[in-house]
N, C-alpha and C. Protein backbone atom coordinates (compact mmCIF):
# COMPACT_ATOMS: atom_id res chain seq x y z
N MET A 1 11.47 167.11 -117.45
CA MET A 1 11.11 168.08 -116.42
C MET A 1 12.07 167.96 -115.23
N ILE A 2 12.67 169.07 -114.83
CA ILE A 2 13.56 169.10 -113.67
C ILE A 2 12.72 169.43 -112.45
N ARG A 3 12.69 168.51 -111.50
CA ARG A 3 11.94 168.72 -110.26
C ARG A 3 12.88 169.36 -109.24
N LEU A 4 12.50 170.55 -108.78
CA LEU A 4 13.37 171.37 -107.95
C LEU A 4 12.79 171.53 -106.55
N PHE A 5 13.64 171.37 -105.53
CA PHE A 5 13.20 171.54 -104.14
C PHE A 5 14.01 172.71 -103.55
N LEU A 6 13.31 173.68 -102.95
CA LEU A 6 13.95 174.88 -102.40
C LEU A 6 14.11 174.75 -100.89
N VAL A 7 15.33 174.98 -100.40
CA VAL A 7 15.58 174.88 -98.96
C VAL A 7 16.32 176.12 -98.49
N ASP A 8 15.62 176.97 -97.72
CA ASP A 8 16.20 178.19 -97.18
C ASP A 8 15.32 178.63 -96.01
N ASP A 9 15.95 179.16 -94.96
CA ASP A 9 15.15 179.54 -93.79
C ASP A 9 14.49 180.91 -93.95
N HIS A 10 14.74 181.60 -95.05
CA HIS A 10 14.09 182.89 -95.31
C HIS A 10 12.91 182.68 -96.27
N THR A 11 11.72 182.85 -95.73
CA THR A 11 10.50 182.62 -96.51
C THR A 11 10.42 183.52 -97.74
N VAL A 12 10.80 184.78 -97.57
CA VAL A 12 10.71 185.72 -98.69
C VAL A 12 11.62 185.28 -99.84
N LEU A 13 12.81 184.79 -99.51
CA LEU A 13 13.72 184.32 -100.56
C LEU A 13 13.15 183.11 -101.27
N ARG A 14 12.58 182.17 -100.52
CA ARG A 14 11.99 180.98 -101.15
C ARG A 14 10.87 181.39 -102.10
N HIS A 15 10.04 182.33 -101.66
CA HIS A 15 8.94 182.77 -102.52
C HIS A 15 9.48 183.45 -103.78
N GLY A 16 10.56 184.22 -103.62
CA GLY A 16 11.17 184.86 -104.77
C GLY A 16 11.73 183.85 -105.76
N LEU A 17 12.35 182.80 -105.23
CA LEU A 17 12.90 181.75 -106.08
C LEU A 17 11.78 180.99 -106.80
N ARG A 18 10.72 180.71 -106.07
CA ARG A 18 9.58 180.03 -106.70
C ARG A 18 9.04 180.86 -107.86
N ALA A 19 8.94 182.17 -107.64
CA ALA A 19 8.45 183.05 -108.71
C ALA A 19 9.40 183.05 -109.89
N LEU A 20 10.70 182.96 -109.60
CA LEU A 20 11.71 182.93 -110.66
C LEU A 20 11.55 181.70 -111.54
N PHE A 21 11.26 180.56 -110.92
CA PHE A 21 11.24 179.29 -111.66
C PHE A 21 9.87 178.92 -112.24
N GLN A 22 8.80 179.50 -111.73
CA GLN A 22 7.48 178.96 -112.05
C GLN A 22 7.11 179.08 -113.53
N HIS A 23 7.69 180.02 -114.24
CA HIS A 23 7.34 180.18 -115.65
C HIS A 23 8.43 179.65 -116.58
N GLU A 24 9.44 178.98 -116.02
CA GLU A 24 10.52 178.44 -116.82
C GLU A 24 10.15 177.06 -117.37
N GLU A 25 10.26 176.92 -118.66
CA GLU A 25 9.93 175.65 -119.29
C GLU A 25 10.89 174.56 -118.83
N GLY A 26 10.36 173.42 -118.48
CA GLY A 26 11.19 172.28 -118.08
C GLY A 26 11.60 172.30 -116.62
N LEU A 27 11.12 173.28 -115.84
CA LEU A 27 11.43 173.36 -114.41
C LEU A 27 10.14 173.37 -113.59
N GLU A 28 10.15 172.64 -112.50
CA GLU A 28 8.98 172.63 -111.61
C GLU A 28 9.46 172.61 -110.16
N VAL A 29 9.00 173.57 -109.36
CA VAL A 29 9.30 173.57 -107.93
C VAL A 29 8.31 172.63 -107.26
N VAL A 30 8.84 171.53 -106.70
CA VAL A 30 7.96 170.51 -106.13
C VAL A 30 7.85 170.60 -104.61
N GLY A 31 8.71 171.41 -103.97
CA GLY A 31 8.63 171.51 -102.52
C GLY A 31 9.50 172.61 -101.97
N GLU A 32 9.23 172.97 -100.71
CA GLU A 32 10.00 173.97 -99.99
C GLU A 32 10.24 173.50 -98.57
N ALA A 33 11.34 173.94 -97.99
CA ALA A 33 11.65 173.61 -96.60
C ALA A 33 12.51 174.70 -96.00
N GLU A 34 12.44 174.84 -94.67
CA GLU A 34 13.22 175.86 -93.97
C GLU A 34 14.60 175.36 -93.57
N ASN A 35 14.79 174.05 -93.53
CA ASN A 35 16.08 173.50 -93.12
C ASN A 35 16.19 172.05 -93.59
N GLY A 36 17.33 171.43 -93.27
CA GLY A 36 17.57 170.08 -93.73
C GLY A 36 16.61 169.05 -93.19
N GLU A 37 16.22 169.21 -91.92
CA GLU A 37 15.29 168.24 -91.33
C GLU A 37 13.96 168.20 -92.10
N GLN A 38 13.44 169.38 -92.41
CA GLN A 38 12.17 169.44 -93.14
C GLN A 38 12.30 168.84 -94.53
N LEU A 39 13.42 169.11 -95.18
CA LEU A 39 13.66 168.53 -96.50
C LEU A 39 13.66 167.01 -96.44
N LEU A 40 14.44 166.45 -95.54
CA LEU A 40 14.56 164.99 -95.45
C LEU A 40 13.24 164.34 -95.06
N ALA A 41 12.43 165.06 -94.30
CA ALA A 41 11.12 164.52 -93.91
C ALA A 41 10.18 164.44 -95.11
N GLN A 42 10.36 165.35 -96.07
CA GLN A 42 9.45 165.39 -97.22
C GLN A 42 9.91 164.55 -98.41
N LEU A 43 11.20 164.30 -98.51
CA LEU A 43 11.71 163.61 -99.69
C LEU A 43 11.09 162.24 -99.96
N PRO A 44 10.77 161.44 -98.95
CA PRO A 44 10.17 160.13 -99.26
C PRO A 44 8.87 160.23 -100.06
N THR A 45 8.14 161.33 -99.89
CA THR A 45 6.87 161.48 -100.62
C THR A 45 6.93 162.59 -101.67
N THR A 46 8.07 163.29 -101.73
CA THR A 46 8.21 164.37 -102.71
C THR A 46 9.56 164.21 -103.42
N PRO A 47 9.64 163.30 -104.35
CA PRO A 47 10.92 163.08 -105.06
C PRO A 47 11.31 164.31 -105.87
N CYS A 48 12.62 164.53 -105.98
CA CYS A 48 13.10 165.68 -106.75
C CYS A 48 14.41 165.32 -107.42
N ASP A 49 14.83 166.17 -108.34
CA ASP A 49 16.09 165.97 -109.06
C ASP A 49 17.20 166.86 -108.53
N VAL A 50 16.84 168.10 -108.18
CA VAL A 50 17.82 169.07 -107.70
C VAL A 50 17.31 169.72 -106.43
N VAL A 51 18.18 169.84 -105.43
CA VAL A 51 17.88 170.60 -104.22
C VAL A 51 18.69 171.89 -104.27
N LEU A 52 17.99 173.02 -104.25
CA LEU A 52 18.64 174.33 -104.18
C LEU A 52 18.71 174.68 -102.71
N LEU A 53 19.92 174.73 -102.17
CA LEU A 53 20.12 174.64 -100.73
C LEU A 53 20.94 175.80 -100.19
N ASP A 54 20.43 176.44 -99.13
CA ASP A 54 21.19 177.46 -98.43
C ASP A 54 22.25 176.76 -97.56
N LEU A 55 23.34 177.45 -97.28
CA LEU A 55 24.41 176.84 -96.48
C LEU A 55 24.18 177.02 -94.99
N HIS A 56 23.80 178.24 -94.58
CA HIS A 56 23.65 178.54 -93.15
C HIS A 56 22.17 178.58 -92.79
N MET A 57 21.73 177.52 -92.08
CA MET A 57 20.34 177.40 -91.64
C MET A 57 20.31 176.86 -90.22
N PRO A 58 19.28 177.18 -89.46
CA PRO A 58 19.15 176.60 -88.12
C PRO A 58 18.88 175.10 -88.22
N GLY A 59 19.26 174.37 -87.19
CA GLY A 59 19.06 172.92 -87.23
C GLY A 59 20.09 172.27 -88.12
N LEU A 60 19.63 171.44 -89.03
CA LEU A 60 20.53 170.75 -89.96
C LEU A 60 20.94 171.73 -91.07
N ASP A 61 22.20 172.15 -91.04
CA ASP A 61 22.63 173.18 -91.99
C ASP A 61 22.93 172.59 -93.37
N GLY A 62 23.41 173.44 -94.27
CA GLY A 62 23.62 173.01 -95.64
C GLY A 62 24.67 171.92 -95.79
N LEU A 63 25.76 172.04 -95.06
CA LEU A 63 26.82 171.03 -95.16
C LEU A 63 26.33 169.68 -94.67
N ALA A 64 25.72 169.66 -93.48
CA ALA A 64 25.22 168.40 -92.93
C ALA A 64 24.12 167.81 -93.81
N THR A 65 23.28 168.67 -94.35
CA THR A 65 22.20 168.20 -95.23
C THR A 65 22.77 167.57 -96.50
N THR A 66 23.79 168.19 -97.06
CA THR A 66 24.44 167.64 -98.25
C THR A 66 25.02 166.26 -97.97
N GLN A 67 25.65 166.12 -96.82
CA GLN A 67 26.23 164.83 -96.44
C GLN A 67 25.15 163.77 -96.31
N ARG A 68 24.01 164.14 -95.71
CA ARG A 68 22.90 163.20 -95.57
C ARG A 68 22.33 162.82 -96.94
N LEU A 69 22.18 163.81 -97.80
CA LEU A 69 21.64 163.53 -99.13
C LEU A 69 22.57 162.61 -99.91
N GLN A 70 23.86 162.84 -99.79
CA GLN A 70 24.82 162.01 -100.51
C GLN A 70 24.72 160.56 -100.05
N ALA A 71 24.47 160.36 -98.76
CA ALA A 71 24.39 159.01 -98.20
C ALA A 71 23.05 158.35 -98.45
N GLU A 72 21.96 159.12 -98.37
CA GLU A 72 20.61 158.55 -98.41
C GLU A 72 19.90 158.73 -99.76
N TYR A 73 20.25 159.79 -100.48
CA TYR A 73 19.62 160.06 -101.78
C TYR A 73 20.70 160.45 -102.79
N PRO A 74 21.58 159.53 -103.14
CA PRO A 74 22.73 159.87 -104.00
C PRO A 74 22.35 160.37 -105.40
N ASP A 75 21.12 160.10 -105.84
CA ASP A 75 20.70 160.56 -107.17
C ASP A 75 20.21 162.01 -107.15
N VAL A 76 19.97 162.53 -105.97
CA VAL A 76 19.54 163.93 -105.85
C VAL A 76 20.77 164.83 -105.92
N ARG A 77 20.73 165.83 -106.78
CA ARG A 77 21.89 166.72 -106.96
C ARG A 77 21.69 168.01 -106.18
N VAL A 78 22.75 168.43 -105.52
CA VAL A 78 22.69 169.60 -104.65
C VAL A 78 23.35 170.80 -105.33
N LEU A 79 22.62 171.91 -105.37
CA LEU A 79 23.17 173.19 -105.80
C LEU A 79 23.05 174.15 -104.63
N VAL A 80 24.18 174.61 -104.13
CA VAL A 80 24.17 175.51 -102.98
C VAL A 80 23.98 176.95 -103.45
N LEU A 81 23.06 177.66 -102.79
CA LEU A 81 22.82 179.08 -103.05
C LEU A 81 23.03 179.81 -101.74
N SER A 82 24.14 180.54 -101.62
CA SER A 82 24.54 181.07 -100.32
C SER A 82 25.21 182.43 -100.46
N MET A 83 25.26 183.17 -99.34
CA MET A 83 26.02 184.42 -99.29
C MET A 83 27.48 184.15 -98.96
N ALA A 84 27.79 182.99 -98.42
CA ALA A 84 29.16 182.67 -97.99
C ALA A 84 30.06 182.53 -99.21
N ASP A 85 31.15 183.31 -99.23
CA ASP A 85 32.05 183.25 -100.38
C ASP A 85 33.47 182.86 -99.99
N ASN A 86 33.65 182.31 -98.77
CA ASN A 86 35.00 181.89 -98.38
C ASN A 86 35.31 180.51 -98.93
N GLU A 87 36.54 180.32 -99.30
CA GLU A 87 36.95 179.10 -100.00
C GLU A 87 36.78 177.85 -99.14
N ARG A 88 36.98 177.99 -97.83
CA ARG A 88 36.85 176.81 -96.97
C ARG A 88 35.41 176.27 -96.98
N ALA A 89 34.44 177.17 -96.84
CA ALA A 89 33.04 176.74 -96.85
C ALA A 89 32.67 176.11 -98.19
N ILE A 90 33.13 176.73 -99.26
CA ILE A 90 32.84 176.22 -100.60
C ILE A 90 33.48 174.85 -100.79
N GLY A 91 34.74 174.73 -100.40
CA GLY A 91 35.44 173.46 -100.54
C GLY A 91 34.80 172.35 -99.74
N GLN A 92 34.37 172.66 -98.53
CA GLN A 92 33.75 171.64 -97.67
C GLN A 92 32.47 171.09 -98.28
N VAL A 93 31.60 171.97 -98.75
CA VAL A 93 30.31 171.48 -99.24
C VAL A 93 30.46 170.78 -100.60
N LEU A 94 31.42 171.24 -101.43
CA LEU A 94 31.66 170.54 -102.69
C LEU A 94 32.25 169.16 -102.43
N ALA A 95 33.16 169.08 -101.45
CA ALA A 95 33.74 167.79 -101.10
C ALA A 95 32.69 166.85 -100.52
N ALA A 96 31.67 167.42 -99.89
CA ALA A 96 30.60 166.60 -99.30
C ALA A 96 29.65 166.05 -100.35
N GLY A 97 29.73 166.58 -101.58
CA GLY A 97 28.88 166.03 -102.64
C GLY A 97 28.06 167.02 -103.42
N ALA A 98 28.08 168.30 -103.04
CA ALA A 98 27.33 169.30 -103.81
C ALA A 98 27.90 169.38 -105.22
N ARG A 99 27.01 169.60 -106.19
CA ARG A 99 27.45 169.65 -107.58
C ARG A 99 27.73 171.07 -108.04
N GLY A 100 27.24 172.06 -107.30
CA GLY A 100 27.46 173.43 -107.72
C GLY A 100 27.33 174.40 -106.56
N TYR A 101 27.83 175.61 -106.78
CA TYR A 101 27.81 176.65 -105.74
C TYR A 101 27.57 177.98 -106.42
N VAL A 102 26.53 178.69 -105.96
CA VAL A 102 26.13 179.96 -106.55
C VAL A 102 25.90 180.97 -105.42
N LEU A 103 26.41 182.18 -105.58
CA LEU A 103 26.18 183.23 -104.60
C LEU A 103 24.77 183.80 -104.77
N LYS A 104 24.21 184.31 -103.67
CA LYS A 104 22.85 184.82 -103.71
C LYS A 104 22.72 186.11 -104.51
N ASN A 105 23.84 186.76 -104.77
CA ASN A 105 23.76 187.97 -105.60
C ASN A 105 23.96 187.66 -107.09
N THR A 106 23.99 186.37 -107.42
CA THR A 106 24.12 185.96 -108.82
C THR A 106 22.85 186.33 -109.60
N GLY A 107 23.02 186.69 -110.85
CA GLY A 107 21.88 187.09 -111.67
C GLY A 107 20.93 185.93 -111.97
N ARG A 108 19.71 186.30 -112.32
CA ARG A 108 18.65 185.33 -112.61
C ARG A 108 19.08 184.32 -113.67
N ASP A 109 19.62 184.80 -114.77
CA ASP A 109 19.96 183.90 -115.88
C ASP A 109 21.03 182.89 -115.47
N GLU A 110 21.99 183.34 -114.69
CA GLU A 110 23.06 182.42 -114.30
C GLU A 110 22.55 181.36 -113.32
N ILE A 111 21.63 181.74 -112.45
CA ILE A 111 21.04 180.76 -111.54
C ILE A 111 20.30 179.69 -112.34
N LEU A 112 19.58 180.10 -113.35
CA LEU A 112 18.85 179.14 -114.19
C LEU A 112 19.83 178.21 -114.91
N VAL A 113 20.92 178.77 -115.41
CA VAL A 113 21.94 177.95 -116.07
C VAL A 113 22.52 176.95 -115.07
N ALA A 114 22.75 177.41 -113.85
CA ALA A 114 23.32 176.55 -112.81
C ALA A 114 22.41 175.36 -112.51
N VAL A 115 21.12 175.63 -112.37
CA VAL A 115 20.16 174.56 -112.07
C VAL A 115 20.15 173.52 -113.19
N ARG A 116 20.12 173.99 -114.43
CA ARG A 116 20.08 173.05 -115.56
C ARG A 116 21.40 172.27 -115.67
N ALA A 117 22.50 172.94 -115.40
CA ALA A 117 23.80 172.26 -115.48
C ALA A 117 23.90 171.16 -114.44
N VAL A 118 23.54 171.47 -113.20
CA VAL A 118 23.61 170.49 -112.12
C VAL A 118 22.64 169.34 -112.38
N ALA A 119 21.45 169.66 -112.88
CA ALA A 119 20.47 168.61 -113.19
C ALA A 119 21.00 167.67 -114.25
N ALA A 120 21.83 168.19 -115.15
CA ALA A 120 22.40 167.38 -116.23
C ALA A 120 23.65 166.61 -115.80
N GLY A 121 24.02 166.77 -114.52
CA GLY A 121 25.16 166.02 -114.00
C GLY A 121 26.49 166.75 -114.08
N ARG A 122 26.43 168.03 -114.51
CA ARG A 122 27.67 168.80 -114.60
C ARG A 122 27.90 169.58 -113.31
N ARG A 123 29.14 170.01 -113.11
CA ARG A 123 29.47 170.86 -111.97
C ARG A 123 29.34 172.32 -112.38
N PHE A 124 29.06 173.17 -111.38
CA PHE A 124 28.87 174.59 -111.70
C PHE A 124 29.36 175.45 -110.55
N LEU A 125 30.12 176.47 -110.89
CA LEU A 125 30.58 177.48 -109.95
C LEU A 125 30.26 178.83 -110.57
N CYS A 126 29.56 179.69 -109.83
CA CYS A 126 29.14 180.96 -110.43
C CYS A 126 30.35 181.78 -110.86
N SER A 127 30.14 182.64 -111.83
CA SER A 127 31.24 183.36 -112.46
C SER A 127 32.00 184.24 -111.48
N GLU A 128 31.32 184.84 -110.50
CA GLU A 128 32.01 185.70 -109.55
C GLU A 128 33.04 184.93 -108.75
N LEU A 129 32.66 183.75 -108.29
CA LEU A 129 33.60 182.91 -107.53
C LEU A 129 34.71 182.39 -108.43
N GLY A 130 34.34 181.96 -109.64
CA GLY A 130 35.34 181.44 -110.55
C GLY A 130 36.40 182.47 -110.89
N LEU A 131 35.98 183.70 -111.14
CA LEU A 131 36.94 184.76 -111.47
C LEU A 131 37.81 185.12 -110.28
N ALA A 132 37.21 185.13 -109.07
CA ALA A 132 37.98 185.45 -107.88
C ALA A 132 39.07 184.41 -107.64
N MET A 133 38.73 183.13 -107.84
CA MET A 133 39.72 182.07 -107.65
C MET A 133 40.79 182.11 -108.74
N LEU A 134 40.37 182.44 -109.96
CA LEU A 134 41.34 182.54 -111.05
C LEU A 134 42.34 183.66 -110.77
N GLU A 135 41.86 184.79 -110.25
CA GLU A 135 42.74 185.90 -109.91
C GLU A 135 43.78 185.48 -108.87
N LYS A 136 43.35 184.67 -107.89
CA LYS A 136 44.30 184.20 -106.88
C LYS A 136 45.35 183.29 -107.49
N VAL A 137 44.91 182.43 -108.41
CA VAL A 137 45.86 181.53 -109.07
C VAL A 137 46.88 182.34 -109.87
N LEU A 138 46.39 183.32 -110.63
CA LEU A 138 47.28 184.14 -111.45
C LEU A 138 48.22 184.96 -110.59
N ALA A 139 47.72 185.48 -109.48
CA ALA A 139 48.57 186.24 -108.57
C ALA A 139 49.64 185.34 -107.97
N GLY A 140 49.30 184.08 -107.77
CA GLY A 140 50.25 183.15 -107.16
C GLY A 140 51.43 182.85 -108.05
N THR A 141 51.30 183.05 -109.36
CA THR A 141 52.42 182.76 -110.25
C THR A 141 53.57 183.73 -110.05
N ALA A 142 53.29 184.89 -109.43
CA ALA A 142 54.34 185.88 -109.22
C ALA A 142 54.98 185.76 -107.84
N GLU A 143 54.48 184.83 -107.02
CA GLU A 143 55.02 184.68 -105.68
C GLU A 143 56.33 183.91 -105.72
N PRO A 144 57.21 184.14 -104.72
CA PRO A 144 58.47 183.41 -104.65
C PRO A 144 58.23 181.92 -104.54
N ALA A 145 59.14 181.14 -105.05
CA ALA A 145 59.01 179.67 -104.97
C ALA A 145 59.02 179.24 -103.52
N ALA A 146 58.29 178.20 -103.21
CA ALA A 146 58.23 177.70 -101.84
C ALA A 146 59.56 177.10 -101.43
N LYS A 147 59.80 177.12 -100.13
CA LYS A 147 61.05 176.53 -99.63
C LYS A 147 61.04 175.03 -99.85
N PRO A 148 62.20 174.42 -100.06
CA PRO A 148 62.25 172.98 -100.24
C PRO A 148 61.75 172.26 -99.00
N THR A 149 61.10 171.15 -99.21
CA THR A 149 60.52 170.41 -98.08
C THR A 149 60.95 168.96 -98.08
N GLY A 150 62.23 168.72 -98.34
CA GLY A 150 62.74 167.36 -98.23
C GLY A 150 62.16 166.41 -99.25
N GLY A 151 61.72 166.91 -100.40
CA GLY A 151 61.17 166.05 -101.43
C GLY A 151 59.73 165.65 -101.18
N LEU A 152 59.05 166.31 -100.23
CA LEU A 152 57.67 165.97 -99.94
C LEU A 152 56.73 166.57 -100.98
N SER A 153 55.64 165.86 -101.26
CA SER A 153 54.62 166.40 -102.14
C SER A 153 53.83 167.46 -101.38
N ALA A 154 53.00 168.20 -102.13
CA ALA A 154 52.19 169.24 -101.49
C ALA A 154 51.27 168.65 -100.43
N ARG A 155 50.65 167.50 -100.71
CA ARG A 155 49.76 166.88 -99.73
C ARG A 155 50.55 166.36 -98.52
N GLU A 156 51.74 165.81 -98.76
CA GLU A 156 52.56 165.33 -97.64
C GLU A 156 52.99 166.50 -96.76
N HIS A 157 53.31 167.63 -97.38
CA HIS A 157 53.67 168.81 -96.61
C HIS A 157 52.49 169.27 -95.76
N GLU A 158 51.28 169.19 -96.32
CA GLU A 158 50.08 169.58 -95.59
C GLU A 158 49.85 168.66 -94.40
N VAL A 159 50.02 167.36 -94.62
CA VAL A 159 49.88 166.39 -93.53
C VAL A 159 50.92 166.66 -92.45
N LEU A 160 52.15 166.93 -92.86
CA LEU A 160 53.23 167.22 -91.91
C LEU A 160 52.88 168.43 -91.04
N ARG A 161 52.37 169.47 -91.66
CA ARG A 161 52.00 170.67 -90.90
C ARG A 161 50.92 170.38 -89.87
N LEU A 162 49.94 169.56 -90.25
CA LEU A 162 48.85 169.22 -89.33
C LEU A 162 49.34 168.31 -88.21
N VAL A 163 50.27 167.42 -88.52
CA VAL A 163 50.88 166.58 -87.48
C VAL A 163 51.59 167.47 -86.47
N ALA A 164 52.32 168.45 -86.98
CA ALA A 164 53.06 169.36 -86.10
C ALA A 164 52.13 170.19 -85.23
N GLU A 165 50.90 170.40 -85.70
CA GLU A 165 49.91 171.14 -84.92
C GLU A 165 49.28 170.27 -83.84
N GLY A 166 49.65 168.98 -83.81
CA GLY A 166 49.15 168.09 -82.78
C GLY A 166 47.87 167.36 -83.13
N MET A 167 47.46 167.40 -84.39
CA MET A 167 46.23 166.74 -84.79
C MET A 167 46.44 165.23 -84.91
N THR A 168 45.42 164.46 -84.56
CA THR A 168 45.48 163.01 -84.68
C THR A 168 45.22 162.60 -86.13
N THR A 169 45.48 161.32 -86.42
CA THR A 169 45.24 160.82 -87.77
C THR A 169 43.78 161.01 -88.17
N ALA A 170 42.85 160.72 -87.24
CA ALA A 170 41.43 160.86 -87.53
C ALA A 170 41.07 162.32 -87.81
N GLN A 171 41.63 163.24 -87.02
CA GLN A 171 41.34 164.66 -87.22
C GLN A 171 41.88 165.15 -88.56
N ILE A 172 43.07 164.70 -88.92
CA ILE A 172 43.66 165.09 -90.20
C ILE A 172 42.82 164.55 -91.36
N ALA A 173 42.38 163.30 -91.23
CA ALA A 173 41.56 162.69 -92.28
C ALA A 173 40.27 163.48 -92.49
N GLU A 174 39.66 163.90 -91.38
CA GLU A 174 38.41 164.67 -91.48
C GLU A 174 38.67 166.04 -92.12
N LYS A 175 39.75 166.68 -91.74
CA LYS A 175 40.06 168.01 -92.27
C LYS A 175 40.37 167.96 -93.76
N LEU A 176 41.05 166.91 -94.20
CA LEU A 176 41.47 166.81 -95.60
C LEU A 176 40.49 166.01 -96.45
N PHE A 177 39.37 165.60 -95.84
CA PHE A 177 38.33 164.85 -96.55
C PHE A 177 38.92 163.58 -97.19
N THR A 178 39.65 162.83 -96.40
CA THR A 178 40.21 161.58 -96.87
C THR A 178 40.08 160.54 -95.78
N SER A 179 40.65 159.34 -95.97
CA SER A 179 40.51 158.28 -94.99
C SER A 179 41.71 158.25 -94.05
N PRO A 180 41.52 157.76 -92.81
CA PRO A 180 42.65 157.63 -91.89
C PRO A 180 43.77 156.76 -92.48
N ARG A 181 43.39 155.75 -93.25
CA ARG A 181 44.41 154.89 -93.85
C ARG A 181 45.30 155.67 -94.82
N THR A 182 44.68 156.57 -95.59
CA THR A 182 45.46 157.39 -96.52
C THR A 182 46.39 158.32 -95.77
N VAL A 183 45.91 158.88 -94.66
CA VAL A 183 46.75 159.76 -93.85
C VAL A 183 47.95 158.98 -93.30
N GLU A 184 47.70 157.77 -92.83
CA GLU A 184 48.80 156.94 -92.30
C GLU A 184 49.83 156.64 -93.40
N THR A 185 49.35 156.41 -94.60
CA THR A 185 50.27 156.17 -95.72
C THR A 185 51.13 157.40 -95.97
N HIS A 186 50.50 158.58 -95.93
CA HIS A 186 51.26 159.83 -96.09
C HIS A 186 52.31 159.97 -94.99
N ARG A 187 51.92 159.67 -93.76
CA ARG A 187 52.86 159.80 -92.64
C ARG A 187 54.05 158.87 -92.81
N GLN A 188 53.78 157.65 -93.25
CA GLN A 188 54.85 156.68 -93.46
C GLN A 188 55.79 157.16 -94.57
N ASN A 189 55.21 157.67 -95.65
CA ASN A 189 56.03 158.18 -96.74
C ASN A 189 56.88 159.36 -96.30
N ILE A 190 56.28 160.23 -95.47
CA ILE A 190 57.02 161.40 -94.97
C ILE A 190 58.22 160.95 -94.15
N MET A 191 58.02 159.97 -93.28
CA MET A 191 59.11 159.48 -92.43
C MET A 191 60.21 158.83 -93.26
N GLU A 192 59.80 158.10 -94.29
CA GLU A 192 60.80 157.47 -95.16
C GLU A 192 61.62 158.51 -95.91
N LYS A 193 60.95 159.54 -96.40
CA LYS A 193 61.65 160.58 -97.15
C LYS A 193 62.56 161.42 -96.27
N THR A 194 62.15 161.60 -95.01
CA THR A 194 62.94 162.44 -94.10
C THR A 194 63.91 161.64 -93.24
N GLY A 195 63.82 160.31 -93.34
CA GLY A 195 64.74 159.47 -92.58
C GLY A 195 64.49 159.51 -91.08
N THR A 196 63.25 159.76 -90.68
CA THR A 196 62.91 159.79 -89.26
C THR A 196 62.16 158.52 -88.86
N LYS A 197 62.19 158.24 -87.56
CA LYS A 197 61.61 156.98 -87.07
C LYS A 197 60.32 157.16 -86.29
N ASN A 198 60.05 158.36 -85.82
CA ASN A 198 58.83 158.60 -85.05
C ASN A 198 58.39 160.05 -85.22
N THR A 199 57.23 160.36 -84.65
CA THR A 199 56.66 161.70 -84.83
C THR A 199 57.53 162.79 -84.23
N ALA A 200 58.06 162.54 -83.06
CA ALA A 200 58.90 163.55 -82.40
C ALA A 200 60.12 163.88 -83.26
N ALA A 201 60.77 162.86 -83.79
CA ALA A 201 61.95 163.08 -84.64
C ALA A 201 61.55 163.79 -85.93
N LEU A 202 60.38 163.45 -86.45
CA LEU A 202 59.90 164.08 -87.67
C LEU A 202 59.69 165.57 -87.48
N ILE A 203 59.00 165.95 -86.39
CA ILE A 203 58.75 167.36 -86.13
C ILE A 203 60.05 168.11 -85.88
N LYS A 204 60.98 167.49 -85.16
CA LYS A 204 62.28 168.12 -84.91
C LYS A 204 63.00 168.40 -86.23
N ALA A 205 62.99 167.41 -87.14
CA ALA A 205 63.65 167.58 -88.43
C ALA A 205 62.95 168.67 -89.25
N ALA A 206 61.62 168.68 -89.21
CA ALA A 206 60.86 169.67 -89.97
C ALA A 206 61.15 171.08 -89.49
N MET A 207 61.27 171.25 -88.17
CA MET A 207 61.55 172.57 -87.61
C MET A 207 62.97 173.01 -87.94
N SER A 208 63.90 172.08 -87.86
CA SER A 208 65.30 172.44 -88.13
C SER A 208 65.53 172.80 -89.59
N GLN A 209 64.71 172.23 -90.48
CA GLN A 209 64.84 172.50 -91.92
C GLN A 209 63.88 173.58 -92.41
N SER A 210 63.12 174.16 -91.45
CA SER A 210 62.16 175.22 -91.79
C SER A 210 61.08 174.76 -92.76
N TRP A 211 60.70 173.48 -92.69
CA TRP A 211 59.66 172.98 -93.57
C TRP A 211 58.25 173.43 -93.17
N LEU A 212 58.12 173.92 -91.94
CA LEU A 212 56.80 174.28 -91.44
C LEU A 212 56.51 175.76 -91.62
N HIS A 213 57.39 176.50 -92.22
CA HIS A 213 57.18 177.95 -92.38
C HIS A 213 56.54 178.24 -93.71
């Protein structure tokens, strides 16, 4: 039996989801909440396997809630159900620990498949998002090759660009969902590859070689 907890600040949507799941074999809705705070308050006495979670909610939103669940309830799997279809929002919540992402206009059958997949430990991205991202990848194959960047890897080039924007090591680490130590390693590698000794010289070299364009 998959124990499912619904978290969304729209009561009508939660009731609709409950109606969707109540007659499905092997699924049981064990709780509802309007936001992350209410969910976390109930989890100690209402254990669940999957949290179906909205991204934009008042108070503790979907991203912050996912981060808390990952830290405090790592066995609970998060499936995001949201209207947000921008890649940054999707990437952030998946990096925070969500196992799947489904748009609210996704069909009933696909939502059910998503819940079962996430409960089984698999990752899931709804077909609309998957196809949109695939189209971008395919379109990218026809784009001109990127300018040379002094032998830097794609991640090193990304770190270089953020350094040039004036971001600190901690800020870069947070943006790229990595550790400050890893960012420092990238910076050191970049300086070695470019033959620079400090940040100012690095940015000057990057600008002169058009690596930041």
